Amino acid sequence: MSGNARARRFYERHGWIDTGLIDYLAATEEGSVSIPAHRYNKRVTQNADKEQR
């Protein structure tokens, strides 16, 4: 998702915060492959379910 600006805007518009780049290790038959990605975090509260109703 590193180069996917549309996806990044979607997450940010829905309250997710980009905390930086990570190297995601994807498993393959030949071993692991490092894939650059952004890590997103979102604060979740007990009242979040009630607020969405």
Protein backbone atom coordinates (compact mmCIF):
# COMPACT_ATOMS: atom_id res chain seq x y z
CA MET A 1 0.00 0.00 0.00
CA SER A 2 3.03 2.25 0.10
CA GLY A 3 2.29 3.75 -3.33
CA ASN A 4 -1.52 3.66 -3.11
CA ALA A 5 -2.55 7.26 -2.42
CA ARG A 6 -6.26 6.47 -2.76
CA ALA A 7 -6.11 3.82 -0.02
CA ARG A 8 -4.08 6.11 2.22
CA ARG A 9 -6.69 8.90 1.89
CA PHE A 10 -9.46 6.39 2.72
CA TYR A 11 -7.79 5.31 5.98
CA GLU A 12 -6.90 8.86 7.01
CA ARG A 13 -10.45 10.08 6.27
CA HIS A 14 -11.78 7.39 8.64
CA GLY A 15 -9.59 8.40 11.57
CA TRP A 16 -6.58 6.12 11.04
CA ILE A 17 -3.15 7.67 11.73
CA ASP A 18 -0.13 6.80 9.59
CA THR A 19 2.62 5.89 12.09
CA GLY A 20 5.26 5.32 9.44
CA LEU A 21 6.77 2.87 7.01
CA ILE A 22 7.38 -0.77 7.88
CA ASP A 23 8.81 -3.75 6.02
CA TYR A 24 6.09 -6.42 5.94
CA LEU A 25 7.54 -9.92 5.56
CA ALA A 26 5.26 -11.91 3.27
CA ALA A 27 5.71 -15.69 3.21
CA THR A 28 6.29 -17.39 -0.15
CA GLU A 29 7.20 -20.93 -1.15
CA GLU A 30 10.82 -19.78 -1.55
CA GLY A 31 10.96 -17.90 1.76
CA SER A 32 10.03 -14.42 2.94
CA VAL A 33 9.79 -11.31 0.78
CA SER A 34 10.04 -7.82 2.28
CA ILE A 35 7.21 -5.51 1.15
CA PRO A 36 7.24 -1.81 2.08
CA ALA A 37 3.97 -0.74 3.72
CA HIS A 38 2.52 1.95 5.95
CA ARG A 39 1.34 1.08 9.45
CA TYR A 40 -1.90 2.71 10.53
CA ASN A 41 -3.27 2.94 14.08
CA LYS A 42 -6.67 3.98 15.35
CA ARG A 43 -7.74 4.64 18.93
CA VAL A 44 -10.66 2.47 20.00
CA THR A 45 -12.80 3.30 23.02
CA GLN A 46 -15.56 1.47 24.84
CA ASN A 47 -18.07 4.01 23.54
CA ALA A 48 -17.02 3.63 19.89
CA ASP A 49 -19.77 1.09 19.18
CA LYS A 50 -22.46 3.36 20.68
CA GLU A 51 -21.18 6.43 18.78
CA GLN A 52 -21.61 4.69 15.42
CA ARG A 53 -25.29 3.90 16.03
